[in-house]
Amino acid sequence: AVARVVRSNAFAALEAGAKSCGASTAIGVLRAPAVDASDIDAVRALAHEALHVGNWCDARVEWRGVYAAATLMWVCKGGAKTRAEATRALDVALMLGGPVFEEE
């Protein structure tokens, strides 16, 4: 499932826009072949922070996509310890993630 996220058209679009908002390092971490749940969680935390600086409506769509992708990958890598934790994380990712993965 993690490889599918990284190979998706949405991730490619996210990667293309990441440099303009300072998210290219975060995308690089998610793209790393040996990325683990703790690395992904660090990217989630960074993206969450970026989404909560200033007014929520001014949050960059790229950071919203990074948060959504990282959360999906984190859950797939076993970062969530319970089904409830996974469900909550994915629910928040859907709300904060914006339009990035709507088509897929």
N, C-alpha and C. Protein backbone atom coordinates (compact mmCIF):
# COMPACT_ATOMS: atom_id res chain seq x y z
N ALA A 1 0.82 -1.20 0.00
CA ALA A 1 0.00 0.00 0.00
C ALA A 1 0.86 1.26 0.00
N VAL A 2 1.99 1.23 0.72
CA VAL A 2 2.87 2.41 0.76
C VAL A 2 3.43 2.69 -0.62
N ALA A 3 3.86 1.64 -1.31
CA ALA A 3 4.41 1.82 -2.66
C ALA A 3 3.36 2.38 -3.60
N ARG A 4 2.12 1.97 -3.42
CA ARG A 4 1.04 2.47 -4.27
C ARG A 4 0.84 3.97 -4.07
N VAL A 5 0.94 4.44 -2.84
CA VAL A 5 0.82 5.87 -2.57
C VAL A 5 1.92 6.63 -3.30
N VAL A 6 3.15 6.15 -3.17
CA VAL A 6 4.30 6.84 -3.76
C VAL A 6 4.23 6.82 -5.29
N ARG A 7 3.65 5.76 -5.86
CA ARG A 7 3.54 5.67 -7.33
C ARG A 7 2.31 6.40 -7.89
N SER A 8 1.46 6.91 -7.05
CA SER A 8 0.21 7.52 -7.51
C SER A 8 0.45 8.85 -8.24
N ASN A 9 -0.48 9.18 -9.10
CA ASN A 9 -0.43 10.47 -9.80
C ASN A 9 -0.53 11.63 -8.81
N ALA A 10 -1.33 11.45 -7.77
CA ALA A 10 -1.49 12.50 -6.77
C ALA A 10 -0.16 12.78 -6.06
N PHE A 11 0.59 11.72 -5.75
CA PHE A 11 1.88 11.91 -5.09
C PHE A 11 2.86 12.61 -6.03
N ALA A 12 2.83 12.25 -7.31
CA ALA A 12 3.69 12.91 -8.29
C ALA A 12 3.38 14.40 -8.38
N ALA A 13 2.09 14.75 -8.38
CA ALA A 13 1.70 16.15 -8.41
C ALA A 13 2.14 16.86 -7.13
N LEU A 14 1.99 16.18 -6.03
CA LEU A 14 2.40 16.72 -4.74
C LEU A 14 3.90 16.99 -4.74
N GLU A 15 4.64 16.04 -5.24
CA GLU A 15 6.09 16.17 -5.31
C GLU A 15 6.50 17.34 -6.19
N ALA A 16 5.79 17.54 -7.29
CA ALA A 16 6.10 18.64 -8.20
C ALA A 16 5.91 20.00 -7.55
N GLY A 17 4.91 20.12 -6.68
CA GLY A 17 4.63 21.40 -6.03
C GLY A 17 5.31 21.59 -4.69
N ALA A 18 5.97 20.56 -4.21
CA ALA A 18 6.54 20.59 -2.86
C ALA A 18 7.64 21.65 -2.69
N LYS A 19 8.43 21.83 -3.70
CA LYS A 19 9.55 22.77 -3.59
C LYS A 19 9.06 24.20 -3.33
N SER A 20 7.93 24.56 -3.92
CA SER A 20 7.44 25.92 -3.80
C SER A 20 6.99 26.29 -2.39
N CYS A 21 6.76 25.28 -1.55
CA CYS A 21 6.29 25.59 -0.19
C CYS A 21 7.23 25.04 0.88
N GLY A 22 8.39 24.55 0.50
CA GLY A 22 9.35 24.05 1.47
C GLY A 22 9.09 22.63 1.94
N ALA A 23 8.32 21.86 1.17
CA ALA A 23 7.98 20.50 1.59
C ALA A 23 8.79 19.43 0.87
N SER A 24 9.80 19.82 0.11
CA SER A 24 10.53 18.83 -0.68
C SER A 24 11.30 17.84 0.19
N THR A 25 11.82 18.26 1.33
CA THR A 25 12.50 17.32 2.22
C THR A 25 11.52 16.31 2.79
N ALA A 26 10.34 16.77 3.16
CA ALA A 26 9.32 15.87 3.68
C ALA A 26 8.93 14.83 2.63
N ILE A 27 8.77 15.26 1.39
CA ILE A 27 8.45 14.33 0.30
C ILE A 27 9.59 13.35 0.10
N GLY A 28 10.81 13.82 0.20
CA GLY A 28 11.97 12.94 0.06
C GLY A 28 12.00 11.85 1.11
N VAL A 29 11.62 12.19 2.33
CA VAL A 29 11.56 11.20 3.40
C VAL A 29 10.50 10.16 3.08
N LEU A 30 9.34 10.60 2.63
CA LEU A 30 8.26 9.66 2.31
C LEU A 30 8.63 8.77 1.13
N ARG A 31 9.43 9.27 0.21
CA ARG A 31 9.82 8.50 -0.97
C ARG A 31 10.93 7.50 -0.68
N ALA A 32 11.65 7.66 0.42
CA ALA A 32 12.78 6.78 0.74
C ALA A 32 12.32 5.32 0.81
N PRO A 33 13.06 4.41 0.17
CA PRO A 33 12.64 3.00 0.13
C PRO A 33 12.54 2.34 1.50
N ALA A 34 13.38 2.72 2.41
CA ALA A 34 13.41 2.06 3.73
C ALA A 34 12.74 2.91 4.81
N VAL A 35 11.84 3.80 4.42
CA VAL A 35 11.18 4.66 5.40
C VAL A 35 10.37 3.81 6.38
N ASP A 36 10.44 4.18 7.66
CA ASP A 36 9.68 3.42 8.66
C ASP A 36 8.61 4.32 9.30
N ALA A 37 7.80 3.73 10.14
CA ALA A 37 6.66 4.44 10.72
C ALA A 37 7.10 5.66 11.53
N SER A 38 8.23 5.59 12.22
CA SER A 38 8.66 6.74 13.03
C SER A 38 9.11 7.90 12.15
N ASP A 39 9.77 7.61 11.02
CA ASP A 39 10.15 8.67 10.08
C ASP A 39 8.91 9.32 9.48
N ILE A 40 7.94 8.48 9.13
CA ILE A 40 6.70 8.98 8.55
C ILE A 40 5.94 9.82 9.57
N ASP A 41 5.95 9.40 10.82
CA ASP A 41 5.27 10.16 11.87
C ASP A 41 5.93 11.53 12.05
N ALA A 42 7.23 11.60 11.89
CA ALA A 42 7.92 12.90 11.97
C ALA A 42 7.46 13.82 10.83
N VAL A 43 7.27 13.26 9.64
CA VAL A 43 6.75 14.05 8.52
C VAL A 43 5.32 14.50 8.81
N ARG A 44 4.51 13.60 9.38
CA ARG A 44 3.14 13.96 9.76
C ARG A 44 3.15 15.15 10.72
N ALA A 45 4.02 15.09 11.72
CA ALA A 45 4.09 16.16 12.71
C ALA A 45 4.51 17.48 12.06
N LEU A 46 5.48 17.42 11.16
CA LEU A 46 5.94 18.62 10.46
C LEU A 46 4.81 19.21 9.61
N ALA A 47 4.12 18.35 8.88
CA ALA A 47 3.02 18.82 8.05
C ALA A 47 1.88 19.38 8.90
N HIS A 48 1.59 18.72 10.01
CA HIS A 48 0.55 19.20 10.91
C HIS A 48 0.90 20.60 11.42
N GLU A 49 2.14 20.78 11.76
CA GLU A 49 2.61 22.09 12.23
C GLU A 49 2.45 23.14 11.12
N ALA A 50 2.82 22.78 9.90
CA ALA A 50 2.71 23.72 8.78
C ALA A 50 1.26 24.10 8.52
N LEU A 51 0.35 23.18 8.77
CA LEU A 51 -1.08 23.45 8.55
C LEU A 51 -1.67 24.35 9.63
N HIS A 52 -1.01 24.43 10.76
CA HIS A 52 -1.56 25.18 11.88
C HIS A 52 -0.80 26.47 12.19
N VAL A 53 -0.07 26.96 11.20
CA VAL A 53 0.60 28.25 11.31
C VAL A 53 -0.25 29.26 10.55
N GLY A 54 -0.72 30.27 11.24
CA GLY A 54 -1.55 31.28 10.60
C GLY A 54 -2.99 30.83 10.46
N ASN A 55 -3.68 31.43 9.53
CA ASN A 55 -5.09 31.16 9.30
C ASN A 55 -5.25 29.85 8.54
N TRP A 56 -6.18 29.00 8.96
CA TRP A 56 -6.33 27.68 8.36
C TRP A 56 -6.63 27.74 6.87
N CYS A 57 -7.35 28.75 6.43
CA CYS A 57 -7.70 28.82 5.01
C CYS A 57 -6.51 29.20 4.13
N ASP A 58 -5.42 29.64 4.76
CA ASP A 58 -4.21 29.98 4.01
C ASP A 58 -3.22 28.82 3.93
N ALA A 59 -3.58 27.69 4.50
CA ALA A 59 -2.68 26.52 4.47
C ALA A 59 -2.46 26.09 3.03
N ARG A 60 -1.21 25.83 2.69
CA ARG A 60 -0.86 25.41 1.34
C ARG A 60 -1.42 24.03 1.05
N VAL A 61 -1.95 23.85 -0.13
CA VAL A 61 -2.52 22.56 -0.52
C VAL A 61 -1.44 21.47 -0.53
N GLU A 62 -0.21 21.85 -0.82
CA GLU A 62 0.88 20.87 -0.81
C GLU A 62 1.11 20.29 0.58
N TRP A 63 1.08 21.14 1.61
CA TRP A 63 1.24 20.64 2.98
C TRP A 63 0.05 19.78 3.39
N ARG A 64 -1.13 20.14 2.91
CA ARG A 64 -2.30 19.32 3.19
C ARG A 64 -2.12 17.93 2.58
N GLY A 65 -1.60 17.90 1.37
CA GLY A 65 -1.34 16.62 0.70
C GLY A 65 -0.25 15.82 1.38
N VAL A 66 0.80 16.49 1.85
CA VAL A 66 1.86 15.80 2.58
C VAL A 66 1.29 15.15 3.83
N TYR A 67 0.44 15.88 4.53
CA TYR A 67 -0.17 15.33 5.74
C TYR A 67 -1.01 14.10 5.41
N ALA A 68 -1.83 14.20 4.38
CA ALA A 68 -2.69 13.07 4.00
C ALA A 68 -1.87 11.86 3.58
N ALA A 69 -0.87 12.08 2.72
CA ALA A 69 -0.04 10.97 2.25
C ALA A 69 0.73 10.33 3.41
N ALA A 70 1.30 11.17 4.26
CA ALA A 70 2.08 10.64 5.39
C ALA A 70 1.19 9.85 6.35
N THR A 71 -0.02 10.33 6.56
CA THR A 71 -0.92 9.61 7.47
C THR A 71 -1.31 8.25 6.89
N LEU A 72 -1.64 8.23 5.62
CA LEU A 72 -1.98 6.96 4.98
C LEU A 72 -0.80 5.98 5.06
N MET A 73 0.38 6.47 4.77
CA MET A 73 1.58 5.62 4.82
C MET A 73 1.87 5.17 6.25
N TRP A 74 1.68 6.07 7.22
CA TRP A 74 1.93 5.75 8.63
C TRP A 74 1.02 4.62 9.10
N VAL A 75 -0.25 4.70 8.73
CA VAL A 75 -1.20 3.65 9.10
C VAL A 75 -0.81 2.34 8.42
N CYS A 76 -0.45 2.39 7.15
CA CYS A 76 -0.07 1.17 6.42
C CYS A 76 1.19 0.53 6.99
N LYS A 77 2.09 1.34 7.52
CA LYS A 77 3.34 0.83 8.11
C LYS A 77 3.17 0.38 9.55
N GLY A 78 1.95 0.43 10.07
CA GLY A 78 1.71 -0.04 11.43
C GLY A 78 1.96 0.99 12.51
N GLY A 79 1.97 2.26 12.14
CA GLY A 79 2.19 3.32 13.13
C GLY A 79 1.08 3.41 14.16
N ALA A 80 -0.13 3.16 13.72
CA ALA A 80 -1.27 3.18 14.64
C ALA A 80 -1.30 1.86 15.41
N LYS A 81 -1.44 1.94 16.70
CA LYS A 81 -1.41 0.73 17.54
C LYS A 81 -2.77 0.06 17.66
N THR A 82 -3.84 0.80 17.40
CA THR A 82 -5.18 0.22 17.50
C THR A 82 -5.98 0.61 16.26
N ARG A 83 -7.05 -0.11 16.02
CA ARG A 83 -7.93 0.21 14.91
C ARG A 83 -8.54 1.60 15.12
N ALA A 84 -8.89 1.93 16.34
CA ALA A 84 -9.47 3.24 16.64
C ALA A 84 -8.47 4.35 16.33
N GLU A 85 -7.22 4.16 16.68
CA GLU A 85 -6.19 5.17 16.39
C GLU A 85 -6.01 5.33 14.88
N ALA A 86 -6.02 4.22 14.16
CA ALA A 86 -5.89 4.28 12.71
C ALA A 86 -7.08 5.00 12.08
N THR A 87 -8.27 4.67 12.54
CA THR A 87 -9.48 5.29 12.01
C THR A 87 -9.48 6.79 12.26
N ARG A 88 -9.12 7.19 13.47
CA ARG A 88 -9.08 8.62 13.80
C ARG A 88 -8.05 9.35 12.94
N ALA A 89 -6.86 8.76 12.81
CA ALA A 89 -5.80 9.39 12.02
C ALA A 89 -6.23 9.56 10.56
N LEU A 90 -6.85 8.53 9.99
CA LEU A 90 -7.29 8.61 8.60
C LEU A 90 -8.44 9.60 8.44
N ASP A 91 -9.31 9.67 9.44
CA ASP A 91 -10.41 10.62 9.41
C ASP A 91 -9.88 12.06 9.40
N VAL A 92 -8.92 12.34 10.27
CA VAL A 92 -8.33 13.68 10.32
C VAL A 92 -7.59 13.98 9.00
N ALA A 93 -6.92 12.98 8.46
CA ALA A 93 -6.21 13.17 7.19
C ALA A 93 -7.18 13.51 6.06
N LEU A 94 -8.33 12.87 6.07
CA LEU A 94 -9.34 13.20 5.05
C LEU A 94 -9.83 14.63 5.20
N MET A 95 -10.01 15.08 6.43
CA MET A 95 -10.48 16.45 6.66
C MET A 95 -9.40 17.48 6.32
N LEU A 96 -8.17 17.23 6.73
CA LEU A 96 -7.09 18.20 6.52
C LEU A 96 -6.44 18.06 5.16
N GLY A 97 -6.55 16.89 4.56
CA GLY A 97 -5.81 16.58 3.34
C GLY A 97 -6.22 17.34 2.11
N GLY A 98 -7.41 17.86 2.10
CA GLY A 98 -7.83 18.63 0.94
C GLY A 98 -8.05 17.77 -0.28
N PRO A 99 -7.92 18.36 -1.45
CA PRO A 99 -8.30 17.69 -2.70
C PRO A 99 -7.22 16.78 -3.29
N VAL A 100 -6.10 16.63 -2.64
CA VAL A 100 -4.96 15.96 -3.24
C VAL A 100 -5.26 14.54 -3.72
N PHE A 101 -5.92 13.73 -2.89
CA PHE A 101 -6.15 12.34 -3.27
C PHE A 101 -7.61 12.06 -3.63
N GLU A 102 -8.37 13.09 -3.93
CA GLU A 102 -9.79 12.89 -4.24
C GLU A 102 -10.02 11.98 -5.44
N GLU A 103 -9.23 12.12 -6.46
CA GLU A 103 -9.43 11.34 -7.69
C GLU A 103 -9.04 9.87 -7.51
N GLU A 104 -8.12 9.59 -6.60
CA GLU A 104 -7.62 8.22 -6.46
C GLU A 104 -8.21 7.61 -5.23
